[in-house]
Amino acid sequence: MRFVVAYEGTRYSGWQRQTNGRAVQSVLEGALRELEGRDVAALGASRTDAGVHALGQVAWAETRRPLSPDRYRTALNALLPEDVRVRACDLPEGRFQPLRGVIEKTYTFRLDLSPVPDPRMRRVAVHHPGRLDLDAVNAALSHLLGRHDFRHFASSGGGARTTERHLREAHAEMVADGALLRFTADGFLYHMVRNIVGAGLRVGEGRAGQDYLARILREGPPPTGIKLAPAHGLTLVGIAYGPPSPLDSRQVP
């Protein structure tokens, strides 16, 4: 069975199971174990960090209960905590591999721009009460569009085989409750979005020029490094797959 999973990452050490924290993968596997009556491994598409949220994480598990996808979703959600939900289930052809066949991934980063932090947003948005020129941010982000080597925007420890990525969308806009930055690419490096946001905010605050991100891309970060944007502003919106098992979890209602 293939799953589209949403979660609020506040209480979790990330997607991937680990020995020193509560992971979303472990919680999903616990619910699957209870439903299936046996140990079940859930494979995920993206290793979101501690505190990062998701609307369209994609996972796959070898299920045996003879339930329709809709009934399986209902049964599984009854066993999951309220901050983790399976939004959709389906039966792809063959043994689906979540890490293979990915065409695009989309992330958003949310900012609360109010003078006083909105307590309703504290878990999903980063409070930024000062000056922020979104036109300058967008001008800086435009230099990153296309296929580039993004190694200077990656943190160590990611283990990617290549650091080239095709960034197809990178822009910031005002929304009702603050600002939203949206990024779409064929893949992302470890901390890539959070490093881009951290550098972009420096431009928006007027502390760096609009060529700042282009210079980091070309020459590397300044000696002081890049300030990594906090994890809780980041959300994995979804993932698109091509044949033989097409899916766009960004389109799940």
C-alpha atoms as a PDB file:
ATOM      1  CA  MET A   1       0.000   0.000   0.000  1.00  0.00           C
ATOM      2  CA  ARG A   2       1.205   3.516  -0.776  1.00  0.00           C
ATOM      3  CA  PHE A   3       0.386   6.332   1.642  1.00  0.00           C
ATOM      4  CA  VAL A   4       0.303  10.127   1.536  1.00  0.00           C
ATOM      5  CA  VAL A   5       1.106  11.218   5.075  1.00  0.00           C
ATOM      6  CA  ALA A   6       0.704  14.599   6.791  1.00  0.00           C
ATOM      7  CA  TYR A   7       2.163  15.504  10.153  1.00  0.00           C
ATOM      8  CA  GLU A   8       2.950  18.358  12.453  1.00  0.00           C
ATOM      9  CA  GLY A   9       6.605  17.772  13.206  1.00  0.00           C
ATOM     10  CA  THR A  10       6.787  19.628  16.535  1.00  0.00           C
ATOM     11  CA  ARG A  11       6.913  16.529  18.737  1.00  0.00           C
ATOM     12  CA  TYR A  12       9.064  14.449  16.394  1.00  0.00           C
ATOM     13  CA  SER A  13      12.768  14.000  15.758  1.00  0.00           C
ATOM     14  CA  GLY A  14      12.060  13.860  12.030  1.00  0.00           C
ATOM     15  CA  TRP A  15      10.652  11.270   9.663  1.00  0.00           C
ATOM     16  CA  GLN A  16      13.326   8.579   9.958  1.00  0.00           C
ATOM     17  CA  ARG A  17      13.268   6.141  12.864  1.00  0.00           C
ATOM     18  CA  GLN A  18      16.153   6.504  15.331  1.00  0.00           C
ATOM     19  CA  THR A  19      17.196   5.367  18.767  1.00  0.00           C
ATOM     20  CA  ASN A  20      17.320   8.784  20.450  1.00  0.00           C
ATOM     21  CA  GLY A  21      13.988  10.311  19.534  1.00  0.00           C
ATOM     22  CA  ARG A  22      10.378   9.767  18.501  1.00  0.00           C
ATOM     23  CA  ALA A  23      10.148   9.596  14.709  1.00  0.00           C
ATOM     24  CA  VAL A  24       7.109   9.814  12.441  1.00  0.00           C
ATOM     25  CA  GLN A  25       8.200   6.638  10.666  1.00  0.00           C
ATOM     26  CA  SER A  26       8.177   4.732  13.967  1.00  0.00           C
ATOM     27  CA  VAL A  27       4.709   6.034  14.849  1.00  0.00           C
ATOM     28  CA  LEU A  28       3.345   4.984  11.449  1.00  0.00           C
ATOM     29  CA  GLU A  29       4.988   1.563  11.778  1.00  0.00           C
ATOM     30  CA  GLY A  30       3.448   1.163  15.219  1.00  0.00           C
ATOM     31  CA  ALA A  31      -0.025   1.778  13.809  1.00  0.00           C
ATOM     32  CA  LEU A  32       0.661  -0.614  10.921  1.00  0.00           C
ATOM     33  CA  ARG A  33       1.831  -3.265  13.378  1.00  0.00           C
ATOM     34  CA  GLU A  34      -1.395  -2.975  15.335  1.00  0.00           C
ATOM     35  CA  LEU A  35      -3.535  -3.092  12.204  1.00  0.00           C
ATOM     36  CA  GLU A  36      -1.627  -5.916  10.495  1.00  0.00           C
ATOM     37  CA  GLY A  37      -0.811  -7.963  13.611  1.00  0.00           C
ATOM     38  CA  ARG A  38       2.860  -8.171  12.613  1.00  0.00           C
ATOM     39  CA  ASP A  39       5.931  -5.969  12.197  1.00  0.00           C
ATOM     40  CA  VAL A  40       5.699  -3.802   9.080  1.00  0.00           C
ATOM     41  CA  ALA A  41       8.403  -1.494   7.706  1.00  0.00           C
ATOM     42  CA  ALA A  42       7.218   1.821   6.243  1.00  0.00           C
ATOM     43  CA  LEU A  43       9.597   3.289   3.668  1.00  0.00           C
ATOM     44  CA  GLY A  44       9.486   7.070   3.207  1.00  0.00           C
ATOM     45  CA  ALA A  45      10.419   9.427   0.394  1.00  0.00           C
ATOM     46  CA  SER A  46      11.981  12.332   2.356  1.00  0.00           C
ATOM     47  CA  ARG A  47      14.000  12.447   5.559  1.00  0.00           C
ATOM     48  CA  THR A  48      12.451  15.576   7.044  1.00  0.00           C
ATOM     49  CA  ASP A  49      14.352  17.067   9.987  1.00  0.00           C
ATOM     50  CA  ALA A  50      13.203  17.380  13.577  1.00  0.00           C
ATOM     51  CA  GLY A  51      10.412  19.935  13.794  1.00  0.00           C
ATOM     52  CA  VAL A  52       9.699  20.003  10.048  1.00  0.00           C
ATOM     53  CA  HIS A  53       6.105  19.421   8.966  1.00  0.00           C
ATOM     54  CA  ALA A  54       4.573  17.609   6.004  1.00  0.00           C
ATOM     55  CA  LEU A  55       1.378  17.669   3.988  1.00  0.00           C
ATOM     56  CA  GLY A  56       2.419  15.212   1.299  1.00  0.00           C
ATOM     57  CA  GLN A  57       5.091  12.843   2.570  1.00  0.00           C
ATOM     58  CA  VAL A  58       4.933   9.606   0.572  1.00  0.00           C
ATOM     59  CA  ALA A  59       5.460   6.181   2.145  1.00  0.00           C
ATOM     60  CA  TRP A  60       5.011   2.554   1.180  1.00  0.00           C
ATOM     61  CA  ALA A  61       4.509  -0.625   3.214  1.00  0.00           C
ATOM     62  CA  GLU A  62       3.835  -4.260   2.369  1.00  0.00           C
ATOM     63  CA  THR A  63       0.296  -4.657   3.673  1.00  0.00           C
ATOM     64  CA  ARG A  64      -1.769  -7.860   3.784  1.00  0.00           C
ATOM     65  CA  ARG A  65      -5.095  -6.906   5.352  1.00  0.00           C
ATOM     66  CA  PRO A  66      -7.813  -7.336   2.674  1.00  0.00           C
ATOM     67  CA  LEU A  67      -9.169  -3.796   2.953  1.00  0.00           C
ATOM     68  CA  SER A  68      -9.858  -1.231   0.249  1.00  0.00           C
ATOM     69  CA  PRO A  69      -7.496   1.775   0.268  1.00  0.00           C
ATOM     70  CA  ASP A  70     -10.196   4.033   1.734  1.00  0.00           C
ATOM     71  CA  ARG A  71     -11.049   1.591   4.512  1.00  0.00           C
ATOM     72  CA  TYR A  72      -7.368   1.016   5.208  1.00  0.00           C
ATOM     73  CA  ARG A  73      -6.842   4.775   5.556  1.00  0.00           C
ATOM     74  CA  THR A  74      -9.738   5.044   8.001  1.00  0.00           C
ATOM     75  CA  ALA A  75      -8.491   2.130  10.099  1.00  0.00           C
ATOM     76  CA  LEU A  76      -4.935   3.439  10.172  1.00  0.00           C
ATOM     77  CA  ASN A  77      -5.926   6.970  11.163  1.00  0.00           C
ATOM     78  CA  ALA A  78      -7.917   5.558  14.090  1.00  0.00           C
ATOM     79  CA  LEU A  79      -4.626   4.191  15.441  1.00  0.00           C
ATOM     80  CA  LEU A  80      -2.422   7.237  14.797  1.00  0.00           C
ATOM     81  CA  PRO A  81      -1.925  10.249  17.091  1.00  0.00           C
ATOM     82  CA  GLU A  82      -3.720  13.440  16.117  1.00  0.00           C
ATOM     83  CA  ASP A  83      -0.572  15.099  14.762  1.00  0.00           C
ATOM     84  CA  VAL A  84      -0.044  12.363  12.140  1.00  0.00           C
ATOM     85  CA  ARG A  85      -2.631  11.574   9.478  1.00  0.00           C
ATOM     86  CA  VAL A  86      -2.759   9.393   6.372  1.00  0.00           C
ATOM     87  CA  ARG A  87      -4.476  11.570   3.769  1.00  0.00           C
ATOM     88  CA  ALA A  88      -4.692   8.968   1.009  1.00  0.00           C
ATOM     89  CA  CYS A  89      -3.886   5.332   0.210  1.00  0.00           C
ATOM     90  CA  ASP A  90      -3.572   3.514  -3.093  1.00  0.00           C
ATOM     91  CA  LEU A  91      -2.245   0.287  -4.570  1.00  0.00           C
ATOM     92  CA  PRO A  92       0.554   1.072  -7.056  1.00  0.00           C
ATOM     93  CA  GLU A  93       1.708  -1.515  -9.541  1.00  0.00           C
ATOM     94  CA  GLY A  94       4.552  -3.741  -8.339  1.00  0.00           C
ATOM     95  CA  ARG A  95       6.793  -2.954  -5.400  1.00  0.00           C
ATOM     96  CA  PHE A  96       6.783   0.822  -5.182  1.00  0.00           C
ATOM     97  CA  GLN A  97      10.054   2.474  -4.099  1.00  0.00           C
ATOM     98  CA  PRO A  98       9.404   5.929  -2.559  1.00  0.00           C
ATOM     99  CA  LEU A  99      12.924   7.162  -3.342  1.00  0.00           C
ATOM    100  CA  ARG A 100      12.701   6.248  -7.042  1.00  0.00           C
ATOM    101  CA  GLY A 101      10.831   7.906  -9.873  1.00  0.00           C
ATOM    102  CA  VAL A 102      10.616  11.315  -8.165  1.00  0.00           C
ATOM    103  CA  ILE A 103      10.035  14.143 -10.640  1.00  0.00           C
ATOM    104  CA  GLU A 104       9.562  17.076  -8.265  1.00  0.00           C
ATOM    105  CA  LYS A 105       9.381  17.983  -4.604  1.00  0.00           C
ATOM    106  CA  THR A 106       7.850  21.142  -3.179  1.00  0.00           C
ATOM    107  CA  TYR A 107       8.580  22.790   0.169  1.00  0.00           C
ATOM    108  CA  THR A 108       7.206  25.967   1.708  1.00  0.00           C
ATOM    109  CA  PHE A 109       8.620  28.142   4.470  1.00  0.00           C
ATOM    110  CA  ARG A 110       6.193  30.287   6.466  1.00  0.00           C
ATOM    111  CA  LEU A 111       6.943  33.571   8.250  1.00  0.00           C
ATOM    112  CA  ASP A 112       4.792  35.329  10.832  1.00  0.00           C
ATOM    113  CA  LEU A 113       5.388  39.053  10.142  1.00  0.00           C
ATOM    114  CA  SER A 114       3.145  40.431  12.889  1.00  0.00           C
ATOM    115  CA  PRO A 115       4.757  42.782  15.468  1.00  0.00           C
ATOM    116  CA  VAL A 116       3.759  40.398  18.260  1.00  0.00           C
ATOM    117  CA  PRO A 117       3.958  36.646  17.579  1.00  0.00           C
ATOM    118  CA  ASP A 118       0.627  35.095  16.698  1.00  0.00           C
ATOM    119  CA  PRO A 119       0.307  32.200  19.181  1.00  0.00           C
ATOM    120  CA  ARG A 120      -1.735  30.239  16.639  1.00  0.00           C
ATOM    121  CA  MET A 121       1.256  30.205  14.280  1.00  0.00           C
ATOM    122  CA  ARG A 122       4.030  29.466  16.750  1.00  0.00           C
ATOM    123  CA  ARG A 123       4.498  25.833  15.702  1.00  0.00           C
ATOM    124  CA  VAL A 124       4.344  26.291  11.936  1.00  0.00           C
ATOM    125  CA  ALA A 125       5.794  29.748  11.242  1.00  0.00           C
ATOM    126  CA  VAL A 126       8.948  31.636  12.191  1.00  0.00           C
ATOM    127  CA  HIS A 127       8.297  35.023  13.776  1.00  0.00           C
ATOM    128  CA  HIS A 128       9.997  37.813  11.807  1.00  0.00           C
ATOM    129  CA  PRO A 129       8.727  41.215  13.020  1.00  0.00           C
ATOM    130  CA  GLY A 130      11.375  43.420  11.396  1.00  0.00           C
ATOM    131  CA  ARG A 131      11.815  44.891   7.930  1.00  0.00           C
ATOM    132  CA  LEU A 132      11.515  42.402   5.093  1.00  0.00           C
ATOM    133  CA  ASP A 133      11.634  43.437   1.434  1.00  0.00           C
ATOM    134  CA  LEU A 134      10.065  40.537  -0.465  1.00  0.00           C
ATOM    135  CA  ASP A 135      10.891  42.124  -3.821  1.00  0.00           C
ATOM    136  CA  ALA A 136      14.571  42.013  -2.888  1.00  0.00           C
ATOM    137  CA  VAL A 137      14.203  38.423  -1.690  1.00  0.00           C
ATOM    138  CA  ASN A 138      12.625  37.409  -4.996  1.00  0.00           C
ATOM    139  CA  ALA A 139      15.306  39.168  -6.991  1.00  0.00           C
ATOM    140  CA  ALA A 140      17.947  37.243  -5.028  1.00  0.00           C
ATOM    141  CA  LEU A 141      16.110  33.929  -5.381  1.00  0.00           C
ATOM    142  CA  SER A 142      15.834  34.345  -9.159  1.00  0.00           C
ATOM    143  CA  HIS A 143      19.605  33.806  -9.457  1.00  0.00           C
ATOM    144  CA  LEU A 144      19.178  30.255  -8.151  1.00  0.00           C
ATOM    145  CA  LEU A 145      16.612  29.094 -10.692  1.00  0.00           C
ATOM    146  CA  GLY A 146      17.729  26.402 -13.110  1.00  0.00           C
ATOM    147  CA  ARG A 147      20.238  23.570 -12.776  1.00  0.00           C
ATOM    148  CA  HIS A 148      23.193  24.379 -10.532  1.00  0.00           C
ATOM    149  CA  ASP A 149      25.600  22.805  -8.104  1.00  0.00           C
ATOM    150  CA  PHE A 150      24.028  23.698  -4.748  1.00  0.00           C
ATOM    151  CA  ARG A 151      26.789  22.281  -2.545  1.00  0.00           C
ATOM    152  CA  HIS A 152      27.347  25.673  -0.883  1.00  0.00           C
ATOM    153  CA  PHE A 153      23.735  25.663   0.317  1.00  0.00           C
ATOM    154  CA  ALA A 154      23.980  22.139   1.770  1.00  0.00           C
ATOM    155  CA  SER A 155      24.940  21.281   5.326  1.00  0.00           C
ATOM    156  CA  SER A 156      27.366  18.455   5.967  1.00  0.00           C
ATOM    157  CA  GLY A 157      25.970  15.022   6.733  1.00  0.00           C
ATOM    158  CA  GLY A 158      23.497  14.658   3.892  1.00  0.00           C
ATOM    159  CA  GLY A 159      25.375  11.979   1.978  1.00  0.00           C
ATOM    160  CA  ALA A 160      23.999  12.920  -1.455  1.00  0.00           C
ATOM    161  CA  ARG A 161      25.700  11.274  -4.433  1.00  0.00           C
ATOM    162  CA  THR A 162      25.544  14.496  -6.434  1.00  0.00           C
ATOM    163  CA  THR A 163      24.990  18.108  -5.374  1.00  0.00           C
ATOM    164  CA  GLU A 164      23.470  19.249  -8.671  1.00  0.00           C
ATOM    165  CA  ARG A 165      19.779  20.092  -8.507  1.00  0.00           C
ATOM    166  CA  HIS A 166      17.293  21.752 -10.837  1.00  0.00           C
ATOM    167  CA  LEU A 167      15.462  24.449  -8.905  1.00  0.00           C
ATOM    168  CA  ARG A 168      12.274  25.139 -10.862  1.00  0.00           C
ATOM    169  CA  GLU A 169      10.456  27.432  -8.454  1.00  0.00           C
ATOM    170  CA  ALA A 170      11.712  29.815  -5.764  1.00  0.00           C
ATOM    171  CA  HIS A 171       9.642  32.793  -4.758  1.00  0.00           C
ATOM    172  CA  ALA A 172       8.223  34.657  -1.779  1.00  0.00           C
ATOM    173  CA  GLU A 173       4.775  36.177  -1.463  1.00  0.00           C
ATOM    174  CA  MET A 174       2.548  37.850   1.070  1.00  0.00           C
ATOM    175  CA  VAL A 175      -0.270  35.691   2.426  1.00  0.00           C
ATOM    176  CA  ALA A 176      -3.068  36.422   4.885  1.00  0.00           C
ATOM    177  CA  ASP A 177      -1.061  35.433   7.947  1.00  0.00           C
ATOM    178  CA  GLY A 178       2.428  36.584   6.922  1.00  0.00           C
ATOM    179  CA  ALA A 179       4.771  35.562   4.120  1.00  0.00           C
ATOM    180  CA  LEU A 180       5.284  32.260   2.338  1.00  0.00           C
ATOM    181  CA  LEU A 181       8.372  31.132   0.440  1.00  0.00           C
ATOM    182  CA  ARG A 182       7.850  28.259  -2.000  1.00  0.00           C
ATOM    183  CA  PHE A 183      10.501  26.009  -3.551  1.00  0.00           C
ATOM    184  CA  THR A 184      10.128  23.269  -6.168  1.00  0.00           C
ATOM    185  CA  ALA A 185      13.001  21.175  -7.517  1.00  0.00           C
ATOM    186  CA  ASP A 186      13.837  17.720  -8.763  1.00  0.00           C
ATOM    187  CA  GLY A 187      15.348  17.138  -5.321  1.00  0.00           C
ATOM    188  CA  PHE A 188      16.863  18.980  -2.366  1.00  0.00           C
ATOM    189  CA  LEU A 189      20.111  18.618  -0.450  1.00  0.00           C
ATOM    190  CA  TYR A 190      20.390  18.377   3.336  1.00  0.00           C
ATOM    191  CA  HIS A 191      19.236  21.728   4.812  1.00  0.00           C
ATOM    192  CA  MET A 192      19.233  23.262   1.321  1.00  0.00           C
ATOM    193  CA  VAL A 193      15.903  25.092   1.670  1.00  0.00           C
ATOM    194  CA  ARG A 194      16.626  26.288   5.208  1.00  0.00           C
ATOM    195  CA  ASN A 195      20.033  27.637   4.143  1.00  0.00           C
ATOM    196  CA  ILE A 196      18.520  29.419   1.136  1.00  0.00           C
ATOM    197  CA  VAL A 197      15.827  30.939   3.345  1.00  0.00           C
ATOM    198  CA  GLY A 198      18.401  32.021   5.931  1.00  0.00           C
ATOM    199  CA  ALA A 199      20.498  33.745   3.266  1.00  0.00           C
ATOM    200  CA  GLY A 200      17.425  35.192   1.553  1.00  0.00           C
ATOM    201  CA  LEU A 201      16.187  36.758   4.782  1.00  0.00           C
ATOM    202  CA  ARG A 202      19.503  38.566   5.097  1.00  0.00           C
ATOM    203  CA  VAL A 203      18.806  40.137   1.704  1.00  0.00           C
ATOM    204  CA  GLY A 204      15.233  40.997   2.643  1.00  0.00           C
ATOM    205  CA  GLU A 205      16.435  42.690   5.830  1.00  0.00           C
ATOM    206  CA  GLY A 206      18.781  44.908   3.809  1.00  0.00           C
ATOM    207  CA  ARG A 207      21.934  43.384   5.280  1.00  0.00           C
ATOM    208  CA  ALA A 208      23.110  41.928   1.947  1.00  0.00           C
ATOM    209  CA  GLY A 209      22.729  42.835  -1.719  1.00  0.00           C
ATOM    210  CA  GLN A 210      20.505  41.101  -4.222  1.00  0.00           C
ATOM    211  CA  ASP A 211      23.524  39.224  -5.637  1.00  0.00           C
ATOM    212  CA  TYR A 212      24.243  37.630  -2.246  1.00  0.00           C
ATOM    213  CA  LEU A 213      22.692  34.241  -3.054  1.00  0.00           C
ATOM    214  CA  ALA A 214      24.358  34.183  -6.478  1.00  0.00           C
ATOM    215  CA  ARG A 215      27.750  34.792  -4.862  1.00  0.00           C
ATOM    216  CA  ILE A 216      27.188  31.978  -2.360  1.00  0.00           C
ATOM    217  CA  LEU A 217      26.177  29.669  -5.203  1.00  0.00           C
ATOM    218  CA  ARG A 218      29.311  30.567  -7.136  1.00  0.00           C
ATOM    219  CA  GLU A 219      31.944  31.173  -4.441  1.00  0.00           C
ATOM    220  CA  GLY A 220      30.617  29.692  -1.207  1.00  0.00           C
ATOM    221  CA  PRO A 221      29.264  31.269   1.988  1.00  0.00           C
ATOM    222  CA  PRO A 222      31.010  34.128   3.801  1.00  0.00           C
ATOM    223  CA  PRO A 223      33.424  33.323   6.646  1.00  0.00           C
ATOM    224  CA  THR A 224      30.583  33.792   9.136  1.00  0.00           C
ATOM    225  CA  GLY A 225      28.570  31.119   7.312  1.00  0.00           C
ATOM    226  CA  ILE A 226      24.846  31.069   6.568  1.00  0.00           C
ATOM    227  CA  LYS A 227      22.316  31.375   9.365  1.00  0.00           C
ATOM    228  CA  LEU A 228      20.164  28.244   9.099  1.00  0.00           C
ATOM    229  CA  ALA A 229      16.459  29.117   9.170  1.00  0.00           C
ATOM    230  CA  PRO A 230      14.533  27.383  11.993  1.00  0.00           C
ATOM    231  CA  ALA A 231      13.020  24.006  11.162  1.00  0.00           C
ATOM    232  CA  HIS A 232       9.468  24.703  12.321  1.00  0.00           C
ATOM    233  CA  GLY A 233       8.784  27.117   9.457  1.00  0.00           C
ATOM    234  CA  LEU A 234       9.373  24.399   6.860  1.00  0.00           C
ATOM    235  CA  THR A 235       6.721  22.098   5.368  1.00  0.00           C
ATOM    236  CA  LEU A 236       7.106  19.338   2.797  1.00  0.00           C
ATOM    237  CA  VAL A 237       4.097  20.148   0.595  1.00  0.00           C
ATOM    238  CA  GLY A 238       4.402  17.090  -1.603  1.00  0.00           C
ATOM    239  CA  ILE A 239       6.170  14.911  -4.138  1.00  0.00           C
ATOM    240  CA  ALA A 240       5.426  14.067  -7.769  1.00  0.00           C
ATOM    241  CA  TYR A 241       6.253  10.707  -9.387  1.00  0.00           C
ATOM    242  CA  GLY A 242       6.270   9.618 -12.999  1.00  0.00           C
ATOM    243  CA  PRO A 243       5.434   6.224 -14.538  1.00  0.00           C
ATOM    244  CA  PRO A 244       5.080   3.346 -13.843  1.00  0.00           C
ATOM    245  CA  SER A 245       3.345   4.438 -10.615  1.00  0.00           C
ATOM    246  CA  PRO A 246       2.428   8.118 -11.112  1.00  0.00           C
ATOM    247  CA  LEU A 247       1.378  10.207  -8.131  1.00  0.00           C
ATOM    248  CA  ASP A 248       1.399  13.876  -7.194  1.00  0.00           C
ATOM    249  CA  SER A 249       0.875  14.116  -3.464  1.00  0.00           C
ATOM    250  CA  ARG A 250       0.648  17.920  -3.802  1.00  0.00           C
ATOM    251  CA  GLN A 251      -2.749  17.406  -5.447  1.00  0.00           C
ATOM    252  CA  VAL A 252      -4.294  15.191  -2.768  1.00  0.00           C
ATOM    253  CA  PRO A 253      -7.410  16.954  -1.416  1.00  0.00           C
END
